[in-house]
Every structure is written in structure tokens, then in C-alpha cells.
Amino acid sequence: MLDLYGRMVAAGHWRDYGVSFHPEVAIFAAFRRATERPEVRIEKRPQLRLKQGAFALVSEHGAVLKRGHDLHGVLAPLERRLMRLVGQ
């Protein structure tokens, strides 16, 4: 996650991040600016690991964009966006 964050910062898209730990969920949030809501959140909910997958990519508005068992697969939409940012 931090590797992706570093590349998004280098591309000029993200500027800040936050990490939050709760008993039922761990959250990594990426911000365009520190004063806004996070653009994306990557959540890990271990109790969902046998159902939908422990990892989820959540949008700024709370919609689940991708869910899965593998973190690399959940981060794939962000990787594709990074390729477009670098290619421009």
C-alpha cells in the first residue's frame, strides 16, 4: 500500500494519508488534500475473509469499488489509474 501511495504522490495525485485501527477493521485512507474526506479507503475486515474477502476498496462517498481476498487484486483499479496519470 505504501508503495502505491508513494507512486501516487510522485504523480501529484495524493498528498496525505491516514491509518486507523479498530477492533473489527483496519483502514488506510488516501487524501488529495489533508482537509478533505479521503479519496479512497482500503479496509481490512478479518471477519469477512471467508465470505467476500477481507479487503475492500471504498470510494470517497462510501461505495465499495472492489472487494476480494487478495490485496493486489483489490488495488488493481488504482494501479490502472496510476498508469493513466503517468501516461498523460
N, C-alpha and C. Protein backbone atom coordinates (compact mmCIF):
# COMPACT_ATOMS: atom_id res chain seq x y z
N MET A 1 0.82 -1.19 0.00
CA MET A 1 0.00 0.00 0.00
C MET A 1 0.87 1.25 0.00
N LEU A 2 1.93 1.24 0.79
CA LEU A 2 2.78 2.43 0.84
C LEU A 2 3.53 2.63 -0.47
N ASP A 3 3.82 1.53 -1.17
CA ASP A 3 4.47 1.66 -2.49
C ASP A 3 3.52 2.37 -3.46
N LEU A 4 2.27 1.94 -3.48
CA LEU A 4 1.28 2.60 -4.33
C LEU A 4 1.11 4.05 -3.91
N TYR A 5 1.04 4.31 -2.61
CA TYR A 5 0.90 5.68 -2.12
C TYR A 5 2.07 6.55 -2.59
N GLY A 6 3.28 6.04 -2.49
CA GLY A 6 4.46 6.80 -2.94
C GLY A 6 4.41 7.13 -4.42
N ARG A 7 3.95 6.18 -5.22
CA ARG A 7 3.86 6.43 -6.66
C ARG A 7 2.76 7.44 -6.99
N MET A 8 1.65 7.39 -6.24
CA MET A 8 0.57 8.36 -6.46
C MET A 8 1.00 9.76 -6.01
N VAL A 9 1.80 9.86 -4.97
CA VAL A 9 2.35 11.15 -4.54
C VAL A 9 3.30 11.69 -5.61
N ALA A 10 4.15 10.82 -6.13
CA ALA A 10 5.09 11.24 -7.18
C ALA A 10 4.35 11.71 -8.43
N ALA A 11 3.20 11.13 -8.71
CA ALA A 11 2.39 11.55 -9.86
C ALA A 11 1.61 12.83 -9.56
N GLY A 12 1.62 13.28 -8.30
CA GLY A 12 0.94 14.51 -7.93
C GLY A 12 -0.54 14.35 -7.63
N HIS A 13 -0.99 13.12 -7.41
CA HIS A 13 -2.42 12.88 -7.20
C HIS A 13 -2.81 12.87 -5.73
N TRP A 14 -2.01 12.25 -4.89
CA TRP A 14 -2.30 12.20 -3.46
C TRP A 14 -1.29 13.03 -2.69
N ARG A 15 -1.69 13.57 -1.55
CA ARG A 15 -0.81 14.40 -0.76
C ARG A 15 -0.67 13.94 0.69
N ASP A 16 -1.63 13.17 1.21
CA ASP A 16 -1.60 12.78 2.61
C ASP A 16 -2.27 11.43 2.78
N TYR A 17 -2.01 10.78 3.90
CA TYR A 17 -2.68 9.52 4.19
C TYR A 17 -2.94 9.43 5.69
N GLY A 18 -3.82 8.52 6.05
CA GLY A 18 -4.14 8.28 7.45
C GLY A 18 -4.36 6.79 7.66
N VAL A 19 -4.03 6.31 8.85
CA VAL A 19 -4.21 4.91 9.20
C VAL A 19 -5.05 4.87 10.48
N SER A 20 -6.04 4.01 10.49
CA SER A 20 -6.92 3.90 11.64
C SER A 20 -7.10 2.42 11.97
N PHE A 21 -7.02 2.09 13.24
CA PHE A 21 -7.18 0.71 13.69
C PHE A 21 -8.33 0.64 14.70
N HIS A 22 -9.26 -0.26 14.45
CA HIS A 22 -10.38 -0.51 15.34
C HIS A 22 -10.42 -2.02 15.59
N PRO A 23 -11.15 -2.48 16.58
CA PRO A 23 -11.19 -3.93 16.84
C PRO A 23 -11.67 -4.77 15.66
N GLU A 24 -12.58 -4.25 14.84
CA GLU A 24 -13.13 -5.04 13.73
C GLU A 24 -12.61 -4.64 12.35
N VAL A 25 -11.85 -3.53 12.24
CA VAL A 25 -11.41 -3.07 10.93
C VAL A 25 -10.12 -2.26 11.04
N ALA A 26 -9.28 -2.40 10.02
CA ALA A 26 -8.10 -1.54 9.86
C ALA A 26 -8.29 -0.77 8.55
N ILE A 27 -8.02 0.55 8.58
CA ILE A 27 -8.30 1.41 7.44
C ILE A 27 -7.06 2.21 7.06
N PHE A 28 -6.74 2.21 5.76
CA PHE A 28 -5.72 3.08 5.18
C PHE A 28 -6.46 4.04 4.27
N ALA A 29 -6.36 5.33 4.54
CA ALA A 29 -7.08 6.34 3.76
C ALA A 29 -6.09 7.25 3.05
N ALA A 30 -6.36 7.55 1.77
CA ALA A 30 -5.51 8.43 0.97
C ALA A 30 -6.28 9.70 0.64
N PHE A 31 -5.63 10.83 0.81
CA PHE A 31 -6.26 12.14 0.64
C PHE A 31 -5.61 12.92 -0.50
N ARG A 32 -6.43 13.66 -1.25
CA ARG A 32 -5.89 14.63 -2.20
C ARG A 32 -5.34 15.83 -1.45
N ARG A 33 -6.08 16.26 -0.44
CA ARG A 33 -5.64 17.33 0.47
C ARG A 33 -6.00 16.90 1.88
N ALA A 34 -5.26 17.36 2.85
CA ALA A 34 -5.47 16.92 4.23
C ALA A 34 -6.80 17.40 4.80
N THR A 35 -7.38 18.45 4.23
CA THR A 35 -8.62 19.00 4.78
C THR A 35 -9.87 18.36 4.21
N GLU A 36 -9.75 17.43 3.28
CA GLU A 36 -10.89 16.79 2.64
C GLU A 36 -11.16 15.41 3.21
N ARG A 37 -12.27 14.83 2.74
CA ARG A 37 -12.52 13.43 3.01
C ARG A 37 -11.53 12.60 2.20
N PRO A 38 -11.22 11.40 2.64
CA PRO A 38 -10.28 10.59 1.85
C PRO A 38 -10.85 10.26 0.47
N GLU A 39 -10.00 10.29 -0.53
CA GLU A 39 -10.42 9.94 -1.88
C GLU A 39 -10.75 8.46 -1.95
N VAL A 40 -9.92 7.63 -1.36
CA VAL A 40 -10.17 6.18 -1.28
C VAL A 40 -9.76 5.69 0.11
N ARG A 41 -10.43 4.61 0.51
CA ARG A 41 -10.06 3.91 1.74
C ARG A 41 -9.83 2.45 1.39
N ILE A 42 -8.78 1.88 1.95
CA ILE A 42 -8.54 0.46 1.82
C ILE A 42 -8.80 -0.13 3.20
N GLU A 43 -9.80 -0.99 3.28
CA GLU A 43 -10.22 -1.54 4.56
C GLU A 43 -9.93 -3.03 4.62
N LYS A 44 -9.54 -3.48 5.81
CA LYS A 44 -9.36 -4.90 6.05
C LYS A 44 -10.29 -5.29 7.20
N ARG A 45 -11.23 -6.17 6.89
CA ARG A 45 -12.17 -6.68 7.88
C ARG A 45 -11.99 -8.20 7.95
N PRO A 46 -11.22 -8.68 8.94
CA PRO A 46 -10.94 -10.12 9.02
C PRO A 46 -12.18 -11.00 9.13
N GLN A 47 -13.28 -10.51 9.72
CA GLN A 47 -14.47 -11.34 9.86
C GLN A 47 -15.12 -11.65 8.51
N LEU A 48 -14.78 -10.92 7.45
CA LEU A 48 -15.34 -11.18 6.11
C LEU A 48 -14.43 -12.06 5.25
N ARG A 49 -13.32 -12.55 5.80
CA ARG A 49 -12.36 -13.28 4.99
C ARG A 49 -12.92 -14.56 4.38
N LEU A 50 -13.88 -15.20 5.02
CA LEU A 50 -14.46 -16.42 4.48
C LEU A 50 -15.64 -16.16 3.55
N LYS A 51 -16.15 -14.95 3.52
CA LYS A 51 -17.31 -14.62 2.70
C LYS A 51 -16.87 -13.88 1.44
N GLN A 52 -16.75 -12.56 1.51
CA GLN A 52 -16.47 -11.72 0.34
C GLN A 52 -15.00 -11.42 0.18
N GLY A 53 -14.23 -11.65 1.18
CA GLY A 53 -12.82 -11.29 1.18
C GLY A 53 -12.57 -10.23 2.22
N ALA A 54 -11.40 -10.26 2.83
CA ALA A 54 -11.09 -9.36 3.94
C ALA A 54 -10.82 -7.93 3.48
N PHE A 55 -10.42 -7.73 2.22
CA PHE A 55 -10.02 -6.41 1.74
C PHE A 55 -11.12 -5.76 0.92
N ALA A 56 -11.24 -4.43 1.07
CA ALA A 56 -12.22 -3.67 0.28
C ALA A 56 -11.63 -2.32 -0.08
N LEU A 57 -11.92 -1.88 -1.30
CA LEU A 57 -11.55 -0.55 -1.78
C LEU A 57 -12.84 0.27 -1.76
N VAL A 58 -12.86 1.35 -0.97
CA VAL A 58 -14.07 2.15 -0.75
C VAL A 58 -13.84 3.55 -1.30
N SER A 59 -14.82 4.07 -2.03
CA SER A 59 -14.71 5.41 -2.63
C SER A 59 -14.92 6.50 -1.59
N GLU A 60 -14.74 7.73 -2.02
CA GLU A 60 -14.93 8.90 -1.17
C GLU A 60 -16.34 8.98 -0.61
N HIS A 61 -17.30 8.49 -1.36
CA HIS A 61 -18.70 8.58 -0.95
C HIS A 61 -19.20 7.34 -0.23
N GLY A 62 -18.31 6.37 0.01
CA GLY A 62 -18.67 5.18 0.77
C GLY A 62 -19.08 3.97 -0.04
N ALA A 63 -19.04 4.08 -1.35
CA ALA A 63 -19.38 2.93 -2.20
C ALA A 63 -18.20 1.97 -2.27
N VAL A 64 -18.47 0.69 -2.17
CA VAL A 64 -17.41 -0.32 -2.29
C VAL A 64 -17.11 -0.50 -3.77
N LEU A 65 -15.87 -0.16 -4.16
CA LEU A 65 -15.46 -0.26 -5.56
C LEU A 65 -15.00 -1.66 -5.91
N LYS A 66 -14.31 -2.31 -4.98
CA LYS A 66 -13.77 -3.65 -5.24
C LYS A 66 -13.60 -4.34 -3.91
N ARG A 67 -13.85 -5.63 -3.87
CA ARG A 67 -13.70 -6.42 -2.66
C ARG A 67 -13.04 -7.74 -3.06
N GLY A 68 -12.20 -8.26 -2.19
CA GLY A 68 -11.56 -9.52 -2.53
C GLY A 68 -10.70 -10.09 -1.42
N HIS A 69 -10.16 -11.25 -1.70
CA HIS A 69 -9.31 -11.96 -0.74
C HIS A 69 -7.84 -11.54 -0.86
N ASP A 70 -7.48 -10.99 -2.02
CA ASP A 70 -6.09 -10.65 -2.32
C ASP A 70 -5.95 -9.12 -2.42
N LEU A 71 -5.03 -8.56 -1.66
CA LEU A 71 -4.84 -7.11 -1.66
C LEU A 71 -4.42 -6.59 -3.03
N HIS A 72 -3.57 -7.34 -3.73
CA HIS A 72 -3.11 -6.90 -5.05
C HIS A 72 -4.29 -6.75 -6.03
N GLY A 73 -5.22 -7.68 -5.99
CA GLY A 73 -6.38 -7.61 -6.87
C GLY A 73 -7.30 -6.45 -6.51
N VAL A 74 -7.41 -6.14 -5.23
CA VAL A 74 -8.26 -5.03 -4.79
C VAL A 74 -7.66 -3.69 -5.19
N LEU A 75 -6.33 -3.61 -5.22
CA LEU A 75 -5.66 -2.36 -5.59
C LEU A 75 -5.53 -2.16 -7.11
N ALA A 76 -5.93 -3.15 -7.90
CA ALA A 76 -5.77 -3.08 -9.35
C ALA A 76 -6.42 -1.84 -9.98
N PRO A 77 -7.63 -1.41 -9.58
CA PRO A 77 -8.19 -0.19 -10.19
C PRO A 77 -7.32 1.05 -9.94
N LEU A 78 -6.69 1.12 -8.78
CA LEU A 78 -5.80 2.26 -8.50
C LEU A 78 -4.53 2.18 -9.34
N GLU A 79 -4.04 0.97 -9.57
CA GLU A 79 -2.86 0.80 -10.43
C GLU A 79 -3.16 1.26 -11.85
N ARG A 80 -4.35 0.92 -12.35
CA ARG A 80 -4.72 1.36 -13.71
C ARG A 80 -4.83 2.87 -13.78
N ARG A 81 -5.38 3.50 -12.74
CA ARG A 81 -5.48 4.95 -12.71
C ARG A 81 -4.09 5.58 -12.70
N LEU A 82 -3.17 4.97 -11.99
CA LEU A 82 -1.80 5.47 -11.94
C LEU A 82 -1.16 5.42 -13.33
N MET A 83 -1.41 4.37 -14.08
CA MET A 83 -0.85 4.27 -15.44
C MET A 83 -1.39 5.40 -16.32
N ARG A 84 -2.66 5.76 -16.17
CA ARG A 84 -3.23 6.87 -16.96
C ARG A 84 -2.60 8.18 -16.54
N LEU A 85 -2.35 8.38 -15.22
CA LEU A 85 -1.76 9.62 -14.75
C LEU A 85 -0.35 9.81 -15.29
N VAL A 86 0.42 8.73 -15.28
CA VAL A 86 1.79 8.80 -15.75
C VAL A 86 1.83 8.96 -17.26
N GLY A 87 0.89 8.33 -17.97
CA GLY A 87 0.87 8.38 -19.43
C GLY A 87 0.46 9.72 -20.00
N GLN A 88 -0.19 10.57 -19.22
CA GLN A 88 -0.68 11.85 -19.74
C GLN A 88 0.42 12.81 -20.04
